[in-house]
Amino acid sequence: MLKWLLTVLIALLVFGALAPRLRKMGWGRLPGDFRVPVRGRLVYVPFMSTVLLSLGIYLLGKLI
């Protein structure tokens, strides 16, 4: 359980940093991806994209 939580946290940080590039490719527009204005800045929380990518990596790992 702790490994899964840590994996999701790291994936959220990576997606948050890569958000501008990923939005151009179509990622980050899923229901469950949040954009929250904080002090005049837009904070991006790609929760659903992170869950789908983590699930895909998990399934790929199970196949290998």
Protein backbone atom coordinates (compact mmCIF):
# COMPACT_ATOMS: atom_id res chain seq x y z
CA MET A 1 0.00 0.00 0.00
CA LEU A 2 2.80 2.40 0.87
CA LYS A 3 4.62 1.64 -2.39
CA TRP A 4 1.47 2.38 -4.39
CA LEU A 5 0.94 5.69 -2.57
CA LEU A 6 4.55 6.70 -3.12
CA THR A 7 4.30 5.79 -6.82
CA VAL A 8 1.19 7.92 -7.29
CA LEU A 9 2.79 10.85 -5.46
CA ILE A 10 5.92 10.72 -7.63
CA ALA A 11 3.81 10.40 -10.78
CA LEU A 12 1.76 13.45 -9.74
CA LEU A 13 4.93 15.48 -9.29
CA VAL A 14 6.31 14.40 -12.67
CA PHE A 15 3.02 15.07 -14.47
CA GLY A 16 2.71 18.43 -12.76
CA ALA A 17 6.15 19.45 -13.98
CA LEU A 18 5.54 18.20 -17.52
CA ALA A 19 1.98 19.54 -17.76
CA PRO A 20 2.56 22.21 -20.45
CA ARG A 21 4.17 19.73 -22.85
CA LEU A 22 1.65 16.99 -22.13
CA ARG A 23 -1.33 19.29 -22.69
CA LYS A 24 -0.13 19.93 -26.25
CA MET A 25 -0.19 16.15 -26.83
CA GLY A 26 -3.74 15.80 -25.39
CA TRP A 27 -2.99 14.52 -21.87
CA GLY A 28 -4.50 16.39 -18.95
CA ARG A 29 -7.94 16.94 -20.38
CA LEU A 30 -9.55 13.96 -18.71
CA PRO A 31 -12.33 14.28 -16.15
CA GLY A 32 -10.56 14.21 -12.80
CA ASP A 33 -7.60 16.38 -13.85
CA PHE A 34 -7.81 19.57 -11.83
CA ARG A 35 -6.57 23.10 -12.49
CA VAL A 36 -6.71 25.19 -9.31
CA PRO A 37 -5.94 28.94 -9.24
CA VAL A 38 -3.75 29.82 -6.25
CA ARG A 39 -2.57 33.41 -5.75
CA GLY A 40 -2.86 34.24 -9.42
CA ARG A 41 -1.06 31.08 -10.60
CA LEU A 42 -2.65 28.00 -12.08
CA VAL A 43 -1.71 24.80 -10.20
CA TYR A 44 -2.24 21.66 -12.26
CA VAL A 45 -3.17 18.36 -10.55
CA PRO A 46 -3.38 15.55 -13.16
CA PHE A 47 -5.02 12.96 -10.90
CA MET A 48 -6.91 10.87 -13.47
CA SER A 49 -4.04 10.94 -15.98
CA THR A 50 -1.74 9.69 -13.22
CA VAL A 51 -4.11 6.87 -12.32
CA LEU A 52 -4.43 5.74 -15.94
CA LEU A 53 -0.68 5.89 -16.57
CA SER A 54 0.05 4.01 -13.33
CA LEU A 55 -2.49 1.35 -14.27
CA GLY A 56 -0.93 1.00 -17.71
CA ILE A 57 2.57 0.64 -16.26
CA TYR A 58 1.28 -1.91 -13.73
CA LEU A 59 -0.35 -4.01 -16.44
CA LEU A 60 2.77 -3.79 -18.59
CA GLY A 61 4.82 -4.98 -15.62
CA LYS A 62 2.50 -7.93 -15.07
CA LEU A 63 2.83 -8.96 -18.73
CA ILE A 64 6.61 -8.89 -18.60
